[in-house]
Amino acid sequence: MVTTSPIIYPESDGLPMAENTIQFEWIVYIKKGLDWLFIDDPSVFVAGDLLWYPVEGDNKLRQAPDAMVVFDRPKGDRASYQQWLEDDTPPHVVFEVIAPGHTIPEMTRKFQFYERYGVEEYYIYDPDRASLGGFLRQDDRLEAIESMEAWVSPRLNVCFGLTPEGDLVLIRPNGQPFETYEQIAERAEQERSRADHERQRADQERQRADAAERRAQQAEAEVQRLKAQLQALGHNPNDATS
């Protein structure tokens, strides 16, 4: 009787997520921005640096895109993306951030992999060269997008661009840009400060109103005291001629 061992699909390829801090920051910017974009949609899966195995039984055939988006797949943690367990749905959108150590043959192999296994949109950003490229599936091929300036992703509905300094900019459908953690934290701090200021101003207004009410009550009490004194002296405080 011949027994076969189950095929193991490793969770790691032994390679680092990023080669340097710049590449890492841009990967996080893209991945977390995509998380934010689809936070309310339970049927969109977003991952970063997750091994994707497109063919069951082949644990050598794999890639780990810097970020990827899969539509019509549930959110949730995965050790790897095994396509045959995901209704045979390949990642629809893939991002790669170029680092100095990436070679042309390596990037060519990645492109061929994504083209062969069904990626619909493939975007490449090189922060060192301030360059942005993209490919869109036409039939069975990934065709280069002529210009990425103000390009809007058909799948993501996100607008692409570069700042004059060469930084990647991704704009959500509502016109709000993707943000870094620092930008989000700074905005949250500003909102907290503004809320504190509004709360302090409301407290001051309430204190002023309370003080005015106390003064009015004291004035009324003084009037009543004077009326009582006049009555004690035999005067009618309501009689203007007395």
Protein backbone atom coordinates (compact mmCIF):
# COMPACT_ATOMS: atom_id res chain seq x y z
CA MET A 1 0.00 0.00 0.00
CA VAL A 2 1.45 3.32 -1.08
CA THR A 3 0.91 6.24 1.26
CA THR A 4 1.56 9.82 0.39
CA SER A 5 2.36 12.56 2.81
CA PRO A 6 0.12 15.63 2.74
CA ILE A 7 1.58 18.54 0.82
CA ILE A 8 2.62 21.40 3.07
CA TYR A 9 2.23 24.92 1.79
CA PRO A 10 4.75 27.02 3.75
CA GLU A 11 3.55 30.26 5.29
CA SER A 12 6.88 31.96 4.61
CA ASP A 13 9.38 31.97 1.79
CA GLY A 14 12.17 32.97 4.15
CA LEU A 15 12.53 36.38 2.56
CA PRO A 16 12.02 39.67 4.42
CA MET A 17 8.87 41.66 3.79
CA ALA A 18 10.95 44.67 2.75
CA GLU A 19 14.58 45.39 1.97
CA ASN A 20 14.68 48.81 3.60
CA THR A 21 12.59 51.25 5.61
CA ILE A 22 11.43 53.20 2.57
CA GLN A 23 9.99 50.13 0.85
CA PHE A 24 8.37 48.99 4.10
CA GLU A 25 6.68 52.35 4.69
CA TRP A 26 5.20 52.36 1.19
CA ILE A 27 3.98 48.79 1.49
CA VAL A 28 2.24 49.69 4.75
CA TYR A 29 0.80 52.87 3.18
CA ILE A 30 -0.75 50.88 0.32
CA LYS A 31 -1.92 47.89 2.33
CA LYS A 32 -3.49 49.83 5.19
CA GLY A 33 -5.05 52.27 2.76
CA LEU A 34 -6.69 49.35 0.99
CA ASP A 35 -7.89 48.00 4.34
CA TRP A 36 -9.45 51.38 5.06
CA LEU A 37 -10.99 51.53 1.58
CA PHE A 38 -12.84 48.24 2.02
CA ILE A 39 -13.29 48.24 5.78
CA ASP A 40 -17.08 48.04 5.50
CA ASP A 41 -17.18 45.39 2.78
CA PRO A 42 -16.97 41.86 4.25
CA SER A 43 -16.54 40.31 0.80
CA VAL A 44 -13.21 41.96 -0.06
CA PHE A 45 -10.00 40.33 1.15
CA VAL A 46 -6.88 42.47 1.42
CA ALA A 47 -3.44 41.13 2.29
CA GLY A 48 0.19 42.17 2.37
CA ASP A 49 3.20 39.94 1.79
CA LEU A 50 1.01 36.82 1.84
CA LEU A 51 2.10 33.77 -0.14
CA TRP A 52 -0.30 33.01 -2.96
CA TYR A 53 -0.40 29.43 -4.25
CA PRO A 54 -2.42 29.30 -7.49
CA VAL A 55 -2.21 25.53 -8.18
CA GLU A 56 -3.14 22.75 -5.77
CA GLY A 57 -0.38 20.22 -5.31
CA ASP A 58 2.46 22.59 -6.26
CA ASN A 59 3.99 24.27 -3.21
CA LYS A 60 6.89 25.69 -5.21
CA LEU A 61 4.69 27.74 -7.50
CA ARG A 62 3.99 30.88 -5.47
CA GLN A 63 4.39 34.62 -5.12
CA ALA A 64 3.95 37.02 -2.22
CA PRO A 65 2.70 40.36 -3.60
CA ASP A 66 3.48 43.39 -1.45
CA ALA A 67 -0.27 44.02 -1.40
CA MET A 68 -3.19 42.30 -3.05
CA VAL A 69 -6.96 42.66 -3.22
CA VAL A 70 -9.39 39.81 -3.90
CA PHE A 71 -13.07 40.55 -4.49
CA ASP A 72 -15.88 38.18 -3.54
CA ARG A 73 -13.74 36.52 -0.88
CA PRO A 74 -14.42 36.89 2.84
CA LYS A 75 -12.22 38.88 5.14
CA GLY A 76 -10.25 36.92 7.72
CA ASP A 77 -6.80 35.70 8.63
CA ARG A 78 -5.03 33.21 6.40
CA ALA A 79 -1.66 31.48 6.67
CA SER A 80 -1.43 31.64 2.89
CA TYR A 81 -3.76 32.24 -0.04
CA GLN A 82 -4.46 28.80 -1.51
CA GLN A 83 -6.52 29.59 -4.57
CA TRP A 84 -8.34 26.24 -4.84
CA LEU A 85 -9.75 26.87 -1.34
CA GLU A 86 -10.94 30.34 -2.36
CA ASP A 87 -13.48 29.37 -5.02
CA ASP A 88 -10.51 29.33 -7.43
CA THR A 89 -10.43 33.15 -7.32
CA PRO A 90 -7.05 34.74 -8.05
CA PRO A 91 -6.08 38.12 -6.63
CA HIS A 92 -7.68 40.79 -8.79
CA VAL A 93 -5.32 43.67 -7.97
CA VAL A 94 -1.64 43.38 -7.04
CA PHE A 95 0.89 46.01 -5.93
CA GLU A 96 4.66 45.77 -5.85
CA VAL A 97 7.03 48.35 -4.36
CA ILE A 98 10.47 48.22 -5.96
CA ALA A 99 13.57 48.12 -3.77
CA PRO A 100 17.20 48.52 -4.89
CA GLY A 101 17.80 44.77 -4.59
CA HIS A 102 15.09 43.86 -7.07
CA THR A 103 16.52 42.68 -10.37
CA ILE A 104 15.01 42.86 -13.85
CA PRO A 105 14.81 39.04 -14.14
CA GLU A 106 13.04 38.88 -10.77
CA MET A 107 10.48 41.51 -11.74
CA THR A 108 10.03 39.81 -15.11
CA ARG A 109 9.25 36.51 -13.40
CA LYS A 110 6.72 38.25 -11.16
CA PHE A 111 5.06 39.90 -14.13
CA GLN A 112 4.83 36.58 -15.99
CA PHE A 113 3.39 34.90 -12.90
CA TYR A 114 0.71 37.56 -12.42
CA GLU A 115 -0.13 37.55 -16.11
CA ARG A 116 -0.39 33.77 -16.27
CA TYR A 117 -2.48 33.29 -13.14
CA GLY A 118 -5.19 35.84 -13.64
CA VAL A 119 -4.32 39.16 -12.01
CA GLU A 120 -6.48 41.87 -13.57
CA GLU A 121 -4.54 44.94 -12.45
CA TYR A 122 -0.86 45.11 -11.57
CA TYR A 123 0.77 48.28 -10.21
CA ILE A 124 4.48 48.90 -9.63
CA TYR A 125 5.89 51.84 -7.66
CA ASP A 126 9.60 52.63 -7.42
CA PRO A 127 10.15 55.26 -4.70
CA ASP A 128 13.87 55.61 -5.48
CA ARG A 129 13.25 56.51 -9.12
CA ALA A 130 9.90 58.23 -8.45
CA SER A 131 8.26 56.07 -11.09
CA LEU A 132 4.83 54.50 -11.24
CA GLY A 133 3.66 51.89 -13.73
CA GLY A 134 0.58 49.84 -14.24
CA PHE A 135 -0.84 46.97 -16.28
CA LEU A 136 -4.42 46.10 -17.08
CA ARG A 137 -5.64 42.72 -18.27
CA GLN A 138 -6.83 42.60 -21.84
CA ASP A 139 -8.03 39.10 -22.64
CA ASP A 140 -5.17 36.85 -21.55
CA ARG A 141 -2.47 39.50 -21.31
CA LEU A 142 -1.47 42.30 -19.00
CA GLU A 143 -1.12 45.39 -21.16
CA ALA A 144 0.79 48.47 -20.02
CA ILE A 145 -1.26 51.51 -19.03
CA GLU A 146 -0.10 54.46 -21.13
CA SER A 147 -0.18 57.07 -18.38
CA MET A 148 -0.66 56.52 -14.68
CA GLU A 149 -1.20 60.22 -13.93
CA ALA A 150 -4.80 60.55 -12.72
CA TRP A 151 -5.41 56.91 -13.68
CA VAL A 152 -8.47 55.44 -11.96
CA SER A 153 -8.38 51.73 -11.18
CA PRO A 154 -11.40 49.95 -12.67
CA ARG A 155 -11.55 47.53 -9.75
CA LEU A 156 -10.61 49.80 -6.84
CA ASN A 157 -12.02 53.08 -8.15
CA VAL A 158 -8.87 54.68 -6.71
CA CYS A 159 -7.06 57.51 -8.48
CA PHE A 160 -3.26 57.27 -8.87
CA GLY A 161 -0.71 60.05 -9.01
CA LEU A 162 2.72 61.26 -7.99
CA THR A 163 3.62 64.41 -6.09
CA PRO A 164 6.31 66.73 -7.54
CA GLU A 165 8.69 65.02 -5.10
CA GLY A 166 7.84 61.63 -6.57
CA ASP A 167 5.73 60.31 -3.70
CA LEU A 168 2.87 57.98 -4.54
CA VAL A 169 -0.61 59.40 -3.98
CA LEU A 170 -3.74 57.23 -3.93
CA ILE A 171 -7.11 58.98 -3.76
CA ARG A 172 -10.25 57.26 -2.51
CA PRO A 173 -13.53 57.58 -4.49
CA ASN A 174 -14.71 60.25 -2.03
CA GLY A 175 -11.69 62.41 -2.84
CA GLN A 176 -9.88 61.64 0.42
CA PRO A 177 -6.27 60.48 0.03
CA PHE A 178 -4.77 57.39 1.57
CA GLU A 179 -2.89 58.43 4.71
CA THR A 180 0.19 57.26 6.54
CA TYR A 181 -0.08 56.22 10.18
CA GLU A 182 1.57 59.48 11.20
CA GLN A 183 -0.96 61.52 9.22
CA ILE A 184 -3.86 59.58 10.73
CA ALA A 185 -2.42 59.99 14.24
CA GLU A 186 -1.85 63.73 13.69
CA ARG A 187 -5.40 64.20 12.40
CA ALA A 188 -6.79 62.22 15.33
CA GLU A 189 -4.80 64.39 17.75
CA GLN A 190 -6.08 67.55 16.06
CA GLU A 191 -9.64 66.25 16.31
CA ARG A 192 -9.13 65.41 19.99
CA SER A 193 -7.72 68.88 20.63
CA ARG A 194 -10.65 70.45 18.78
CA ALA A 195 -13.11 68.33 20.77
CA ASP A 196 -11.36 69.31 24.02
CA HIS A 197 -11.55 72.97 23.02
CA GLU A 198 -15.24 72.66 22.19
CA ARG A 199 -15.85 70.88 25.49
CA GLN A 200 -14.00 73.59 27.42
CA ARG A 201 -15.94 76.30 25.61
CA ALA A 202 -19.22 74.50 26.36
CA ASP A 203 -18.18 74.21 30.02
CA GLN A 204 -17.39 77.94 30.12
CA GLU A 205 -20.73 78.80 28.54
CA ARG A 206 -22.50 76.58 31.06
CA GLN A 207 -20.59 78.19 33.92
CA ARG A 208 -21.51 81.67 32.64
CA ALA A 209 -25.15 80.63 32.32
CA ASP A 210 -25.11 79.16 35.83
CA ALA A 211 -23.51 82.34 37.20
CA ALA A 212 -26.12 84.50 35.45
CA GLU A 213 -28.90 82.33 36.87
CA ARG A 214 -27.43 82.61 40.37
CA ARG A 215 -27.21 86.41 40.03
CA ALA A 216 -30.83 86.53 38.89
CA GLN A 217 -31.87 84.36 41.82
CA GLN A 218 -29.89 86.55 44.22
CA ALA A 219 -31.48 89.69 42.77
CA GLU A 220 -34.94 88.19 43.13
CA ALA A 221 -34.15 87.17 46.69
CA GLU A 222 -32.98 90.73 47.44
CA VAL A 223 -36.22 92.15 46.03
CA GLN A 224 -38.26 89.79 48.15
CA ARG A 225 -36.20 90.71 51.21
CA LEU A 226 -36.79 94.42 50.60
CA LYS A 227 -40.51 93.82 50.12
CA ALA A 228 -40.60 91.93 53.41
CA GLN A 229 -38.83 94.81 55.18
CA LEU A 230 -41.29 97.35 53.73
CA GLN A 231 -44.23 95.22 54.81
CA ALA A 232 -42.74 94.98 58.30
CA LEU A 233 -42.64 98.81 58.41
CA GLY A 234 -46.29 99.01 57.40
CA HIS A 235 -45.73 99.86 53.78
CA ASN A 236 -47.35 98.11 50.83
CA PRO A 237 -44.48 97.46 48.42
CA ASN A 238 -47.00 97.20 45.58
CA ASP A 239 -48.41 100.67 46.29
CA ALA A 240 -46.43 103.23 44.37
CA THR A 241 -47.90 106.10 46.47
CA SER A 242 -47.01 104.66 49.87
